[in-house]
Amino acid sequence: MNLSGDAAYKKIRDGSEKELNVILRLIDAMGILPFTAKNTKHAAVIWAKLKEKGLTVNDADVMIAATAINAKEKLATTDNDFMKIRRFHENLTL
């Protein structure tokens, strides 16, 4: 299992001080997927498709989805924004 760099950032940013050490150890144990130029382009296409359909999704979630799709990784989440993305992008595996 890997974690996208932006997902790692969100976990560190949003975690409580009590959770921080656990989060950091978890991140160290997992691989970090970089946000590449390919992921940047893919995220922009996903965002444009969602906008065209009148849907708004957090930019970070679009970036995480693009990273997971390009790495052919399954995305483990309870965030409903990813369900919106999945409706228009069959390659996103949740």
C-alpha atoms as a PDB file:
ATOM      1  CA  MET A   1       0.000   0.000   0.000  1.00  0.00           C
ATOM      2  CA  ASN A   2       1.216   3.467  -0.885  1.00  0.00           C
ATOM      3  CA  LEU A   3       0.162   6.965   0.031  1.00  0.00           C
ATOM      4  CA  SER A   4       0.152   9.934  -2.324  1.00  0.00           C
ATOM      5  CA  GLY A   5       2.275  12.858  -1.227  1.00  0.00           C
ATOM      6  CA  ASP A   6      -0.742  15.148  -0.994  1.00  0.00           C
ATOM      7  CA  ALA A   7      -2.672  12.576   1.062  1.00  0.00           C
ATOM      8  CA  ALA A   8       0.300  12.307   3.418  1.00  0.00           C
ATOM      9  CA  TYR A   9       0.319  16.091   3.736  1.00  0.00           C
ATOM     10  CA  LYS A  10      -3.406  16.158   4.566  1.00  0.00           C
ATOM     11  CA  LYS A  11      -2.992  13.446   7.212  1.00  0.00           C
ATOM     12  CA  ILE A  12      -0.114  15.282   8.885  1.00  0.00           C
ATOM     13  CA  ARG A  13      -1.859  18.661   8.621  1.00  0.00           C
ATOM     14  CA  ASP A  14      -5.200  17.455   9.955  1.00  0.00           C
ATOM     15  CA  GLY A  15      -3.953  15.039  12.622  1.00  0.00           C
ATOM     16  CA  SER A  16      -4.009  15.942  16.275  1.00  0.00           C
ATOM     17  CA  GLU A  17      -0.732  16.247  18.155  1.00  0.00           C
ATOM     18  CA  LYS A  18      -1.583  12.954  19.867  1.00  0.00           C
ATOM     19  CA  GLU A  19      -2.001  11.233  16.487  1.00  0.00           C
ATOM     20  CA  LEU A  20       1.030  12.840  14.858  1.00  0.00           C
ATOM     21  CA  ASN A  21       3.628  10.225  15.844  1.00  0.00           C
ATOM     22  CA  VAL A  22       1.368   7.379  14.719  1.00  0.00           C
ATOM     23  CA  ILE A  23       0.699   9.134  11.418  1.00  0.00           C
ATOM     24  CA  LEU A  24       4.399   9.793  10.847  1.00  0.00           C
ATOM     25  CA  ARG A  25       5.322   6.152  11.571  1.00  0.00           C
ATOM     26  CA  LEU A  26       2.590   4.970   9.219  1.00  0.00           C
ATOM     27  CA  ILE A  27       3.809   7.285   6.465  1.00  0.00           C
ATOM     28  CA  ASP A  28       7.398   6.077   6.984  1.00  0.00           C
ATOM     29  CA  ALA A  29       6.239   2.461   6.632  1.00  0.00           C
ATOM     30  CA  MET A  30       4.311   3.136   3.421  1.00  0.00           C
ATOM     31  CA  GLY A  31       5.603   4.230   0.073  1.00  0.00           C
ATOM     32  CA  ILE A  32       4.891   7.812  -0.923  1.00  0.00           C
ATOM     33  CA  LEU A  33       3.660   8.321  -4.480  1.00  0.00           C
ATOM     34  CA  PRO A  34       4.897  11.603  -5.974  1.00  0.00           C
ATOM     35  CA  PHE A  35       2.630  14.120  -7.655  1.00  0.00           C
ATOM     36  CA  THR A  36       4.188  14.089 -11.112  1.00  0.00           C
ATOM     37  CA  ALA A  37       3.634  16.145 -14.253  1.00  0.00           C
ATOM     38  CA  LYS A  38       1.477  13.274 -15.580  1.00  0.00           C
ATOM     39  CA  ASN A  39      -0.615  13.395 -12.399  1.00  0.00           C
ATOM     40  CA  THR A  40      -0.927  17.171 -12.727  1.00  0.00           C
ATOM     41  CA  LYS A  41      -2.331  16.886 -16.266  1.00  0.00           C
ATOM     42  CA  HIS A  42      -4.656  14.042 -15.291  1.00  0.00           C
ATOM     43  CA  ALA A  43      -5.956  15.950 -12.253  1.00  0.00           C
ATOM     44  CA  ALA A  44      -6.738  18.961 -14.445  1.00  0.00           C
ATOM     45  CA  VAL A  45      -8.719  16.783 -16.869  1.00  0.00           C
ATOM     46  CA  ILE A  46     -10.661  15.185 -14.000  1.00  0.00           C
ATOM     47  CA  TRP A  47     -11.396  18.594 -12.464  1.00  0.00           C
ATOM     48  CA  ALA A  48     -12.602  19.959 -15.830  1.00  0.00           C
ATOM     49  CA  LYS A  49     -14.952  16.988 -16.321  1.00  0.00           C
ATOM     50  CA  LEU A  50     -16.404  17.474 -12.855  1.00  0.00           C
ATOM     51  CA  LYS A  51     -16.830  21.224 -13.416  1.00  0.00           C
ATOM     52  CA  GLU A  52     -18.576  20.535 -16.735  1.00  0.00           C
ATOM     53  CA  LYS A  53     -21.087  18.374 -14.828  1.00  0.00           C
ATOM     54  CA  GLY A  54     -21.566  21.064 -12.164  1.00  0.00           C
ATOM     55  CA  LEU A  55     -19.758  19.102  -9.455  1.00  0.00           C
ATOM     56  CA  THR A  56     -17.209  20.558  -7.090  1.00  0.00           C
ATOM     57  CA  VAL A  57     -14.522  18.474  -5.447  1.00  0.00           C
ATOM     58  CA  ASN A  58     -11.659  19.514  -3.194  1.00  0.00           C
ATOM     59  CA  ASP A  59      -8.526  20.095  -5.312  1.00  0.00           C
ATOM     60  CA  ALA A  60      -6.440  17.850  -3.061  1.00  0.00           C
ATOM     61  CA  ASP A  61      -8.914  14.993  -3.587  1.00  0.00           C
ATOM     62  CA  VAL A  62      -8.680  15.400  -7.359  1.00  0.00           C
ATOM     63  CA  MET A  63      -4.881  15.292  -7.079  1.00  0.00           C
ATOM     64  CA  ILE A  64      -5.009  12.191  -4.865  1.00  0.00           C
ATOM     65  CA  ALA A  65      -7.390  10.467  -7.301  1.00  0.00           C
ATOM     66  CA  ALA A  66      -5.154  11.246 -10.289  1.00  0.00           C
ATOM     67  CA  THR A  67      -2.130   9.894  -8.425  1.00  0.00           C
ATOM     68  CA  ALA A  68      -3.954   6.672  -7.514  1.00  0.00           C
ATOM     69  CA  ILE A  69      -5.261   6.182 -11.055  1.00  0.00           C
ATOM     70  CA  ASN A  70      -1.857   6.697 -12.676  1.00  0.00           C
ATOM     71  CA  ALA A  71      -0.169   4.380 -10.170  1.00  0.00           C
ATOM     72  CA  LYS A  72      -2.944   1.795 -10.676  1.00  0.00           C
ATOM     73  CA  GLU A  73      -3.432   1.755  -6.911  1.00  0.00           C
ATOM     74  CA  LYS A  74      -6.674   1.083  -5.065  1.00  0.00           C
ATOM     75  CA  LEU A  75      -7.779   4.116  -3.058  1.00  0.00           C
ATOM     76  CA  ALA A  76      -8.942   3.443   0.490  1.00  0.00           C
ATOM     77  CA  THR A  77     -11.179   6.283   1.654  1.00  0.00           C
ATOM     78  CA  THR A  78     -14.482   7.200   3.245  1.00  0.00           C
ATOM     79  CA  ASP A  79     -14.503  10.651   1.582  1.00  0.00           C
ATOM     80  CA  ASN A  80     -17.579  11.068  -0.648  1.00  0.00           C
ATOM     81  CA  ASP A  81     -15.710  13.340  -3.077  1.00  0.00           C
ATOM     82  CA  PHE A  82     -14.012  10.250  -4.471  1.00  0.00           C
ATOM     83  CA  MET A  83     -17.393   8.726  -5.311  1.00  0.00           C
ATOM     84  CA  LYS A  84     -18.121  11.800  -7.459  1.00  0.00           C
ATOM     85  CA  ILE A  85     -14.803  11.333  -9.259  1.00  0.00           C
ATOM     86  CA  ARG A  86     -15.458   7.602  -9.687  1.00  0.00           C
ATOM     87  CA  ARG A  87     -18.718   8.319 -11.535  1.00  0.00           C
ATOM     88  CA  PHE A  88     -16.749   9.961 -14.345  1.00  0.00           C
ATOM     89  CA  HIS A  89     -13.526   8.009 -14.160  1.00  0.00           C
ATOM     90  CA  GLU A  90     -13.890   4.223 -14.222  1.00  0.00           C
ATOM     91  CA  ASN A  91     -10.175   3.674 -13.603  1.00  0.00           C
ATOM     92  CA  LEU A  92     -10.456   4.971 -10.043  1.00  0.00           C
ATOM     93  CA  THR A  93     -10.644   1.881  -7.869  1.00  0.00           C
ATOM     94  CA  LEU A  94     -12.056   2.444  -4.409  1.00  0.00           C
END
